[in-house]
Amino acid sequence: MGHTATSFPGRTDDLAAAGEDAVRLARGLVRRDSTNHGGGRGDERAAAEYVAEALGDAGLDPRILESAPRRANVVVRVPGTDPTAPALLVHGHLDVVPADAADWTVPPFAGEIADCPVTGVPALWGRGSVDMKNSIAMVTAVVRHWARHGLRPRRDIVLAFVADEEDSAAYGADYLVREHPGLFEGCTTAIGEGGGETIHAHSASGKPVRLYPVGAAERGSAWLTLRARGTAGHGSRPPGDNAVGALAEAVARINRHEWPLYLTPVTRASIDAIAAALEIERVPGDTDTDETVAALVEKLGTAAPLIGPTTRNGATPTMLSAGYKVNVVPGEAVASVDGRVLPGGEEQFAATMDELTGDHVTWEYAHGSPSVVAPVDSPSFAALSEALLFHDPGAHVVPVCLAGGTDAKVFARLGIECYGFSPLAQPEGLDYTNLLHGVDERVPLEGLRFGVRVLDTFLRA
């Protein structure tokens, strides 16, 4: 790409109004409760109508596509000036996880603005303010800014704001890819959630360092159902094949299991880049061991969560179900396990689950989604990096593998290279990662304004 500070298009326009528009739009989206309770129980319609109206005000003609009653998706194509240029997909999800108002400092769907108790900076509070109505608001504000100033991107940009990311994607991205793939014609690259926020760290010499992770891979999801069957009977005369006991032993083995080190090329690149930014000596990658990687991660401080969860596959027991009365031995016991699988680690994961469950417990996929990988040496990654560094010179952009999953796993089925990029300036001291799905979710207002500026730069590059 090779952009310099003076070569980005339209650097003289005033984006301050767009920043305030992003704040207003984010508040409006938070106030439209789009809770996804799972199992098909969700309602994104009000949020979809709100963002569609905002895009319509920009002269666009967004489509609201319902996969089921009230399970709404918004898709629109913003035409570019170069019809030969590959199109870009920008995706985000409208649904949010549940929030219990009794646990919150402010009502989770009120969209209140108040100072953050940790940093003292003004922030928008509410469920979805971080995950990820903030990003939808910023992108929409940028497009509305273009309409006001008569600006157009170089390439076509497809916006897809979808339902059901917080569950199976069946009512959202998966529905669109299956039923309406033509909406994404020409898209070769995509950006979505999973990167672009400030991580404040310190170098080995104590110097402050600002990192911006960009998602270039993510672990696949493997939600498993474990099932043990035995002989039902009376609790006072237990059978030899107690289903509860067999399942409990398998769950305990899974819980204790220490997965071996498994470094993908993206994770190696991430370790190298973060170590270099923090001036930490890095042993050659081909000599990595559990001990050397663990020692290195320990030195990374606040940057350690960018690496730690993605150095190996994982499986976490999450649910147990068996029996209906204390003195009755049930004939079946069931457990749920949340598995996460690195790119290329599928065979290892399956073989390990066979071993850990043993002869008396079966396992199957309740829901599975593949891992995702995009190149870190591509022009797209370079453009993402340059847009961030244009607005925060001296920072360091690093590739990462995401520990969790996003809708990228669905859009990648169309052959689209997917990156996690939702730029957001964060003040030091704010634990952004723990706000995801957490109580008192909130986003700094200045973070939204910064994100608007970075997105405008990248989307028009």
Protein backbone atom coordinates (compact mmCIF):
# COMPACT_ATOMS: atom_id res chain seq x y z
CA MET A 1 0.00 0.00 0.00
CA GLY A 2 2.78 2.42 0.95
CA HIS A 3 0.60 5.29 2.19
CA THR A 4 2.28 8.22 3.85
CA ALA A 5 0.77 10.72 6.27
CA THR A 6 -0.14 13.03 3.41
CA SER A 7 -1.35 10.47 0.88
CA PHE A 8 -4.57 9.30 2.53
CA PRO A 9 -7.61 10.71 0.72
CA GLY A 10 -9.69 13.46 2.25
CA ARG A 11 -7.52 14.21 5.26
CA THR A 12 -8.85 17.77 5.42
CA ASP A 13 -12.45 16.86 6.22
CA ASP A 14 -13.79 17.42 9.69
CA LEU A 15 -14.53 14.13 11.40
CA ALA A 16 -15.50 15.66 14.76
CA ALA A 17 -19.18 15.63 13.84
CA ALA A 18 -18.90 12.00 12.76
CA GLY A 19 -17.40 11.14 16.13
CA GLU A 20 -20.36 12.66 17.93
CA ASP A 21 -22.70 10.88 15.53
CA ALA A 22 -21.05 7.59 16.50
CA VAL A 23 -21.69 8.32 20.19
CA ARG A 24 -25.35 9.10 19.47
CA LEU A 25 -25.81 6.01 17.31
CA ALA A 26 -24.13 3.76 19.87
CA ARG A 27 -26.45 5.07 22.59
CA GLY A 28 -29.46 4.43 20.37
CA LEU A 29 -28.35 0.88 19.65
CA VAL A 30 -27.69 0.08 23.32
CA ARG A 31 -31.18 1.30 24.16
CA ARG A 32 -32.69 -1.22 21.76
CA ASP A 33 -32.54 -4.46 23.69
CA SER A 34 -31.41 -7.20 21.30
CA THR A 35 -30.65 -9.92 23.83
CA ASN A 36 -29.89 -13.35 22.43
CA HIS A 37 -31.00 -16.01 24.93
CA GLY A 38 -29.80 -18.86 22.71
CA GLY A 39 -31.73 -21.74 21.23
CA GLY A 40 -33.44 -19.49 18.69
CA ARG A 41 -34.72 -17.06 21.33
CA GLY A 42 -33.63 -13.62 20.24
CA ASP A 43 -34.94 -10.37 18.77
CA GLU A 44 -32.70 -8.03 16.78
CA ARG A 45 -35.50 -6.31 14.85
CA ALA A 46 -35.56 -2.96 16.70
CA ALA A 47 -31.77 -2.58 16.48
CA ALA A 48 -31.83 -3.54 12.80
CA GLU A 49 -34.52 -0.98 12.01
CA TYR A 50 -32.59 1.71 13.88
CA VAL A 51 -29.33 1.19 11.98
CA ALA A 52 -31.16 0.72 8.67
CA GLU A 53 -32.87 4.08 9.14
CA ALA A 54 -29.51 5.71 9.90
CA LEU A 55 -28.02 4.23 6.73
CA GLY A 56 -31.07 5.27 4.73
CA ASP A 57 -30.49 8.85 5.86
CA ALA A 58 -27.10 8.57 4.11
CA GLY A 59 -28.83 7.94 0.78
CA LEU A 60 -28.34 4.18 0.87
CA ASP A 61 -30.97 1.48 0.44
CA PRO A 62 -30.30 -1.09 3.17
CA ARG A 63 -32.18 -4.39 3.20
CA ILE A 64 -33.57 -5.91 6.38
CA LEU A 65 -33.56 -9.67 5.96
CA GLU A 66 -35.31 -11.79 8.56
CA SER A 67 -34.25 -15.42 8.88
CA ALA A 68 -37.16 -15.97 11.29
CA PRO A 69 -39.67 -13.59 12.90
CA ARG A 70 -37.75 -10.75 14.59
CA ARG A 71 -34.32 -12.32 13.77
CA ALA A 72 -33.21 -9.42 11.58
CA ASN A 73 -30.08 -8.72 9.52
CA VAL A 74 -29.15 -5.49 7.72
CA VAL A 75 -27.11 -5.55 4.51
CA VAL A 76 -26.20 -2.69 2.19
CA ARG A 77 -23.55 -2.09 -0.48
CA VAL A 78 -21.76 1.26 -0.57
CA PRO A 79 -20.59 1.77 -4.19
CA GLY A 80 -16.96 2.69 -4.76
CA THR A 81 -15.33 4.78 -7.44
CA ASP A 82 -13.28 1.91 -8.94
CA PRO A 83 -15.52 -0.91 -10.23
CA THR A 84 -12.47 -3.10 -10.87
CA ALA A 85 -11.30 -3.04 -7.26
CA PRO A 86 -12.15 -6.05 -5.04
CA ALA A 87 -14.92 -5.29 -2.57
CA LEU A 88 -14.54 -5.16 1.21
CA LEU A 89 -16.97 -6.69 3.70
CA VAL A 90 -17.50 -4.97 7.06
CA HIS A 91 -19.51 -7.18 9.42
CA GLY A 92 -20.79 -6.80 12.95
CA HIS A 93 -23.47 -8.38 15.11
CA LEU A 94 -26.58 -6.70 16.48
CA ASP A 95 -27.33 -9.25 19.20
CA VAL A 96 -25.97 -9.11 22.75
CA VAL A 97 -25.67 -11.57 25.61
CA PRO A 98 -28.16 -11.33 28.52
CA ALA A 99 -27.63 -8.82 31.32
CA ASP A 100 -29.11 -8.97 34.83
CA ALA A 101 -29.92 -5.38 35.79
CA ALA A 102 -29.57 -6.23 39.49
CA ASP A 103 -25.83 -6.73 38.99
CA TRP A 104 -25.19 -3.47 37.14
CA THR A 105 -24.31 0.00 38.42
CA VAL A 106 -26.56 1.50 35.73
CA PRO A 107 -29.48 -0.08 33.85
CA PRO A 108 -27.85 -2.19 31.11
CA PHE A 109 -30.14 -0.95 28.32
CA ALA A 110 -30.40 2.73 29.28
CA GLY A 111 -27.43 3.89 27.23
CA GLU A 112 -26.20 6.19 29.98
CA ILE A 113 -23.06 8.31 29.74
CA ALA A 114 -21.05 8.55 32.95
CA ASP A 115 -17.42 8.70 33.99
CA CYS A 116 -15.54 5.42 34.22
CA PRO A 117 -14.65 4.76 37.89
CA VAL A 118 -11.29 3.27 36.93
CA THR A 119 -10.00 5.96 34.56
CA GLY A 120 -12.31 8.92 35.17
CA VAL A 121 -12.98 9.39 31.46
CA PRO A 122 -16.54 9.76 30.09
CA ALA A 123 -17.90 6.47 28.81
CA LEU A 124 -21.06 5.00 27.33
CA TRP A 125 -22.41 2.27 29.61
CA GLY A 126 -24.63 -0.61 28.60
CA ARG A 127 -24.86 -4.10 27.23
CA GLY A 128 -23.35 -4.12 23.75
CA SER A 129 -21.37 -0.91 24.18
CA VAL A 130 -18.20 -3.00 23.76
CA ASP A 131 -19.56 -6.15 22.09
CA MET A 132 -20.23 -4.82 19.53
CA LYS A 133 -22.72 -2.03 18.96
CA ASN A 134 -19.87 0.45 19.31
CA SER A 135 -18.32 -0.82 16.08
CA ILE A 136 -21.59 -0.79 14.17
CA ALA A 137 -22.15 2.80 15.30
CA MET A 138 -18.66 3.89 14.21
CA VAL A 139 -18.95 2.34 10.75
CA THR A 140 -22.41 3.80 10.25
CA ALA A 141 -21.20 7.23 11.36
CA VAL A 142 -18.35 7.10 8.83
CA VAL A 143 -20.72 6.24 5.98
CA ARG A 144 -23.07 9.06 7.02
CA HIS A 145 -20.08 11.42 7.11
CA TRP A 146 -19.26 10.48 3.53
CA ALA A 147 -22.81 11.27 2.44
CA ARG A 148 -22.70 14.70 4.07
CA HIS A 149 -19.41 15.59 2.36
CA GLY A 150 -19.97 13.95 -1.03
CA LEU A 151 -17.23 11.37 -0.46
CA ARG A 152 -17.01 7.81 -1.78
CA PRO A 153 -14.70 4.91 -1.04
CA ARG A 154 -12.37 3.60 -3.71
CA ARG A 155 -13.90 0.11 -3.66
CA ASP A 156 -17.36 -1.24 -3.00
CA ILE A 157 -17.97 -1.80 0.71
CA VAL A 158 -20.63 -4.25 1.86
CA LEU A 159 -21.98 -3.65 5.36
CA ALA A 160 -23.54 -6.68 7.05
CA PHE A 161 -24.95 -6.16 10.55
CA VAL A 162 -26.29 -9.51 11.61
CA ALA A 163 -28.25 -11.51 14.16
CA ASP A 164 -27.28 -14.49 16.30
CA GLU A 165 -23.50 -14.19 16.53
CA GLU A 166 -23.75 -14.77 20.28
CA ASP A 167 -25.21 -18.23 19.71
CA SER A 168 -24.81 -20.35 16.57
CA ALA A 169 -25.00 -17.72 13.76
CA ALA A 170 -27.82 -19.81 12.26
CA TYR A 171 -30.17 -16.80 12.16
CA GLY A 172 -27.46 -14.36 11.10
CA ALA A 173 -24.25 -14.81 9.13
CA ASP A 174 -24.91 -18.47 8.38
CA TYR A 175 -28.36 -17.62 7.00
CA LEU A 176 -26.98 -14.85 4.80
CA VAL A 177 -24.14 -16.97 3.43
CA ARG A 178 -26.50 -19.87 2.69
CA GLU A 179 -29.49 -17.97 1.33
CA HIS A 180 -28.05 -14.71 0.01
CA PRO A 181 -24.42 -15.26 -1.03
CA GLY A 182 -24.84 -12.89 -3.97
CA LEU A 183 -24.92 -9.97 -1.54
CA PHE A 184 -21.20 -10.50 -0.99
CA GLU A 185 -20.17 -10.77 -4.64
CA GLY A 186 -16.66 -9.46 -5.24
CA CYS A 187 -15.71 -9.34 -1.54
CA THR A 188 -12.19 -10.67 -1.01
CA THR A 189 -11.39 -9.19 2.41
CA ALA A 190 -13.46 -8.58 5.53
CA ILE A 191 -13.07 -6.81 8.84
CA GLY A 192 -15.07 -7.53 11.97
CA GLU A 193 -14.67 -7.77 15.72
CA GLY A 194 -11.61 -9.06 17.49
CA GLY A 195 -8.86 -6.45 17.31
CA GLY A 196 -7.87 -2.82 16.92
CA GLU A 197 -8.15 -1.73 20.56
CA THR A 198 -5.29 -0.19 22.54
CA ILE A 199 -3.34 -2.47 24.85
CA HIS A 200 -1.08 -0.53 27.21
CA ALA A 201 2.10 -2.38 28.13
CA HIS A 202 5.66 -1.64 29.21
CA SER A 203 8.96 -2.59 27.64
CA ALA A 204 11.66 -4.53 29.44
CA SER A 205 13.21 -1.17 30.39
CA GLY A 206 9.92 0.18 31.74
CA LYS A 207 9.04 2.38 28.77
CA PRO A 208 5.29 2.68 28.02
CA VAL A 209 4.28 0.83 24.85
CA ARG A 210 0.96 0.96 23.02
CA LEU A 211 -0.01 -2.21 21.16
CA TYR A 212 -2.86 -2.65 18.70
CA PRO A 213 -3.69 -6.31 18.06
CA VAL A 214 -5.29 -7.21 14.73
CA GLY A 215 -7.01 -10.59 14.50
CA ALA A 216 -5.46 -12.69 11.74
CA ALA A 217 -6.74 -16.05 12.98
CA GLU A 218 -9.18 -17.47 15.49
CA ARG A 219 -9.66 -20.79 17.16
CA GLY A 220 -12.57 -22.90 15.97
CA SER A 221 -15.48 -23.68 18.28
CA ALA A 222 -16.23 -27.25 19.32
CA TRP A 223 -19.26 -27.33 21.60
CA LEU A 224 -19.52 -30.95 22.68
CA THR A 225 -22.17 -33.16 24.22
CA LEU A 226 -20.80 -35.97 26.38
CA ARG A 227 -23.13 -38.84 27.18
CA ALA A 228 -22.77 -41.80 29.55
CA ARG A 229 -25.31 -44.62 29.69
CA GLY A 230 -25.67 -47.22 32.43
CA THR A 231 -28.17 -49.32 34.27
CA ALA A 232 -30.93 -47.44 36.10
CA GLY A 233 -31.77 -48.62 39.60
CA HIS A 234 -32.18 -47.89 43.28
CA GLY A 235 -29.61 -45.72 45.02
CA SER A 236 -29.26 -48.23 47.83
CA ARG A 237 -28.26 -50.98 45.39
CA PRO A 238 -26.11 -49.14 42.81
CA PRO A 239 -25.30 -50.93 39.56
CA GLY A 240 -21.74 -51.49 38.48
CA ASP A 241 -22.16 -49.24 35.44
CA ASN A 242 -23.28 -45.98 37.06
CA ALA A 243 -23.68 -43.38 34.30
CA VAL A 244 -23.11 -40.48 36.69
CA GLY A 245 -19.85 -41.91 37.94
CA ALA A 246 -18.54 -42.63 34.45
CA LEU A 247 -19.41 -39.16 33.24
CA ALA A 248 -17.93 -37.51 36.33
CA GLU A 249 -14.63 -39.30 35.80
CA ALA A 250 -14.49 -38.22 32.14
CA VAL A 251 -15.32 -34.60 33.01
CA ALA A 252 -12.63 -34.60 35.69
CA ARG A 253 -10.05 -35.91 33.22
CA ILE A 254 -10.97 -33.19 30.72
CA ASN A 255 -10.79 -30.53 33.41
CA ARG A 256 -7.31 -31.67 34.54
CA HIS A 257 -5.85 -32.20 31.11
CA GLU A 258 -2.86 -30.05 30.21
CA TRP A 259 -2.96 -29.56 26.46
CA PRO A 260 0.44 -29.61 24.74
CA LEU A 261 2.01 -26.56 23.17
CA TYR A 262 0.76 -26.02 19.61
CA LEU A 263 2.03 -22.84 17.96
CA THR A 264 0.47 -21.82 14.65
CA PRO A 265 2.30 -19.49 12.23
CA VAL A 266 0.05 -16.58 13.31
CA THR A 267 0.78 -17.16 16.99
CA ARG A 268 4.51 -17.36 16.27
CA ALA A 269 4.28 -14.08 14.36
CA SER A 270 2.35 -12.59 17.26
CA ILE A 271 4.94 -13.68 19.82
CA ASP A 272 7.75 -12.28 17.66
CA ALA A 273 6.03 -8.93 17.12
CA ILE A 274 5.02 -8.40 20.75
CA ALA A 275 8.43 -9.45 22.06
CA ALA A 276 10.11 -7.02 19.67
CA ALA A 277 7.77 -4.17 20.67
CA LEU A 278 8.46 -4.81 24.36
CA GLU A 279 12.21 -5.26 23.79
CA ILE A 280 12.12 -8.78 25.21
CA GLU A 281 14.73 -11.25 24.03
CA ARG A 282 13.11 -13.96 21.92
CA VAL A 283 14.65 -17.40 21.46
CA PRO A 284 14.48 -18.72 17.88
CA GLY A 285 10.97 -19.91 17.13
CA ASP A 286 12.06 -23.39 16.08
CA THR A 287 13.28 -24.05 19.63
CA ASP A 288 10.01 -23.15 21.37
CA THR A 289 9.05 -25.40 24.26
CA ASP A 290 6.38 -25.28 26.96
CA GLU A 291 8.96 -23.86 29.33
CA THR A 292 10.37 -21.15 27.02
CA VAL A 293 6.94 -19.97 25.86
CA ALA A 294 5.55 -19.93 29.40
CA ALA A 295 8.56 -17.90 30.56
CA LEU A 296 8.13 -15.47 27.68
CA VAL A 297 4.39 -15.02 28.23
CA GLU A 298 5.07 -14.28 31.90
CA LYS A 299 7.26 -11.35 30.82
CA LEU A 300 4.58 -9.80 28.62
CA GLY A 301 2.55 -8.30 31.46
CA THR A 302 -0.71 -6.81 30.22
CA ALA A 303 0.00 -8.18 26.73
CA ALA A 304 0.07 -11.80 27.97
CA PRO A 305 -3.67 -12.43 27.31
CA LEU A 306 -3.01 -11.79 23.61
CA ILE A 307 -0.85 -14.92 23.52
CA GLY A 308 -1.61 -17.24 26.43
CA PRO A 309 -4.97 -18.77 25.38
CA THR A 310 -3.86 -19.39 21.79
CA THR A 311 -0.75 -21.49 22.36
CA ARG A 312 -2.75 -24.73 22.59
CA ASN A 313 -6.15 -26.31 22.04
CA GLY A 314 -8.55 -26.28 24.98
CA ALA A 315 -11.70 -27.86 26.41
CA THR A 316 -13.69 -26.60 29.39
CA PRO A 317 -16.55 -28.52 31.04
CA THR A 318 -19.49 -26.15 31.44
CA MET A 319 -22.74 -28.05 32.08
CA LEU A 320 -23.90 -31.27 33.81
CA SER A 321 -27.29 -32.96 33.77
CA ALA A 322 -28.39 -36.29 35.28
CA GLY A 323 -31.15 -37.86 37.34
CA TYR A 324 -34.47 -36.70 38.74
CA LYS A 325 -34.52 -38.04 42.33
CA VAL A 326 -31.81 -38.56 44.92
CA ASN A 327 -32.49 -42.26 45.51
CA VAL A 328 -32.76 -43.19 41.83
CA VAL A 329 -29.68 -44.07 39.79
CA PRO A 330 -30.30 -42.57 36.33
CA GLY A 331 -29.70 -44.53 33.17
CA GLU A 332 -28.07 -41.55 31.45
CA ALA A 333 -25.87 -38.60 32.34
CA VAL A 334 -25.01 -35.71 30.02
CA ALA A 335 -22.34 -33.00 30.08
CA SER A 336 -21.44 -30.07 27.85
CA VAL A 337 -17.90 -29.04 27.03
CA ASP A 338 -16.73 -25.85 25.34
CA GLY A 339 -13.82 -26.84 23.12
CA ARG A 340 -11.57 -24.44 21.20
CA VAL A 341 -9.44 -25.68 18.34
CA LEU A 342 -6.45 -23.98 16.75
CA PRO A 343 -5.97 -23.93 12.97
CA GLY A 344 -4.52 -27.31 12.05
CA GLY A 345 -5.26 -28.75 15.48
CA GLU A 346 -8.46 -30.59 14.62
CA GLU A 347 -7.03 -34.12 14.56
CA GLN A 348 -5.18 -33.59 17.83
CA PHE A 349 -8.34 -32.31 19.47
CA ALA A 350 -10.52 -35.23 18.35
CA ALA A 351 -7.92 -37.84 19.34
CA THR A 352 -7.50 -36.24 22.74
CA MET A 353 -11.24 -36.19 23.40
CA ASP A 354 -11.44 -39.89 22.47
CA GLU A 355 -8.72 -40.62 25.01
CA LEU A 356 -10.13 -38.45 27.80
CA THR A 357 -13.72 -39.65 27.54
CA GLY A 358 -12.68 -43.30 27.63
CA ASP A 359 -14.66 -46.42 26.84
CA HIS A 360 -17.86 -45.63 28.75
CA VAL A 361 -18.61 -42.08 27.57
CA THR A 362 -19.42 -40.93 24.03
CA TRP A 363 -18.95 -37.44 22.67
CA GLU A 364 -20.31 -35.57 19.68
CA TYR A 365 -20.38 -32.05 18.30
CA ALA A 366 -23.44 -30.11 19.44
CA HIS A 367 -22.13 -27.20 17.39
CA GLY A 368 -18.86 -26.80 15.55
CA SER A 369 -17.26 -24.03 13.58
CA PRO A 370 -13.90 -24.08 11.82
CA SER A 371 -10.84 -22.10 12.72
CA VAL A 372 -9.98 -19.08 10.57
CA VAL A 373 -6.64 -17.88 9.20
CA ALA A 374 -5.72 -14.82 7.12
CA PRO A 375 -2.23 -13.83 5.97
CA VAL A 376 -0.23 -11.39 8.08
CA ASP A 377 1.97 -10.36 5.13
CA SER A 378 -0.92 -9.21 2.91
CA PRO A 379 -1.62 -5.71 1.54
CA SER A 380 -4.83 -5.74 3.59
CA PHE A 381 -3.00 -6.30 6.87
CA ALA A 382 -0.51 -3.59 5.90
CA ALA A 383 -3.36 -1.15 5.23
CA LEU A 384 -4.98 -1.92 8.59
CA SER A 385 -1.66 -1.32 10.31
CA GLU A 386 -1.00 1.93 8.46
CA ALA A 387 -4.43 3.33 9.31
CA LEU A 388 -3.84 2.73 13.02
CA LEU A 389 -0.32 4.13 12.96
CA PHE A 390 -1.45 7.21 11.03
CA HIS A 391 -3.62 8.17 14.00
CA ASP A 392 -1.32 6.85 16.74
CA PRO A 393 2.30 7.25 15.56
CA GLY A 394 4.79 5.34 17.63
CA ALA A 395 2.38 2.54 18.51
CA HIS A 396 2.90 -1.08 17.44
CA VAL A 397 0.41 -3.14 15.43
CA VAL A 398 0.70 -6.88 16.08
CA PRO A 399 -1.11 -9.87 14.55
CA VAL A 400 -2.97 -12.16 16.96
CA CYS A 401 -4.98 -15.35 16.97
CA LEU A 402 -8.29 -14.82 18.75
CA ALA A 403 -9.07 -17.19 21.60
CA GLY A 404 -12.80 -17.14 20.85
CA GLY A 405 -14.86 -17.17 17.70
CA THR A 406 -16.63 -14.57 15.56
CA ASP A 407 -18.75 -14.50 12.42
CA ALA A 408 -15.50 -14.54 10.45
CA LYS A 409 -15.75 -18.33 10.61
CA VAL A 410 -18.92 -18.12 8.48
CA PHE A 411 -17.89 -15.46 5.98
CA ALA A 412 -14.59 -17.27 5.40
CA ARG A 413 -16.63 -20.02 3.71
CA LEU A 414 -17.07 -17.60 0.80
CA GLY A 415 -13.30 -17.46 0.32
CA ILE A 416 -13.04 -14.09 2.07
CA GLU A 417 -9.91 -13.30 4.10
CA CYS A 418 -11.20 -12.13 7.48
CA TYR A 419 -9.44 -9.85 9.96
CA GLY A 420 -10.44 -8.74 13.44
CA PHE A 421 -10.37 -4.95 13.29
CA SER A 422 -12.63 -2.73 15.35
CA PRO A 423 -10.38 0.20 16.26
CA LEU A 424 -10.92 1.74 19.67
CA ALA A 425 -8.60 3.93 21.75
CA GLN A 426 -8.48 2.74 25.34
CA PRO A 427 -7.08 4.69 28.30
CA GLU A 428 -4.51 2.96 30.46
CA GLY A 429 -6.07 1.06 33.34
CA LEU A 430 -9.27 0.00 31.64
CA ASP A 431 -9.48 -3.80 31.36
CA TYR A 432 -11.22 -3.97 28.00
CA THR A 433 -11.08 -7.75 27.68
CA ASN A 434 -12.95 -8.37 30.93
CA LEU A 435 -15.72 -5.98 29.88
CA LEU A 436 -16.70 -8.37 27.07
CA HIS A 437 -19.88 -10.10 28.30
CA GLY A 438 -19.16 -8.62 31.73
CA VAL A 439 -21.07 -6.50 34.20
CA ASP A 440 -20.95 -2.70 33.71
CA GLU A 441 -19.81 -3.00 30.09
CA ARG A 442 -18.72 0.44 28.89
CA VAL A 443 -16.75 2.16 26.16
CA PRO A 444 -14.86 5.48 26.44
CA LEU A 445 -16.38 8.19 24.25
CA GLU A 446 -12.94 9.23 23.03
CA GLY A 447 -12.41 5.63 21.98
CA LEU A 448 -15.39 5.89 19.65
CA ARG A 449 -14.12 9.15 18.18
CA PHE A 450 -10.70 7.61 17.57
CA GLY A 451 -12.31 4.59 15.92
CA VAL A 452 -14.23 6.80 13.52
CA ARG A 453 -11.04 8.49 12.38
CA VAL A 454 -9.18 5.20 11.88
CA LEU A 455 -12.08 3.54 10.05
CA ASP A 456 -12.48 6.51 7.73
CA THR A 457 -8.80 6.27 6.85
CA PHE A 458 -8.84 2.53 6.22
CA LEU A 459 -12.18 2.29 4.45
CA ARG A 460 -11.21 4.95 1.90
CA ALA A 461 -7.63 3.69 1.38
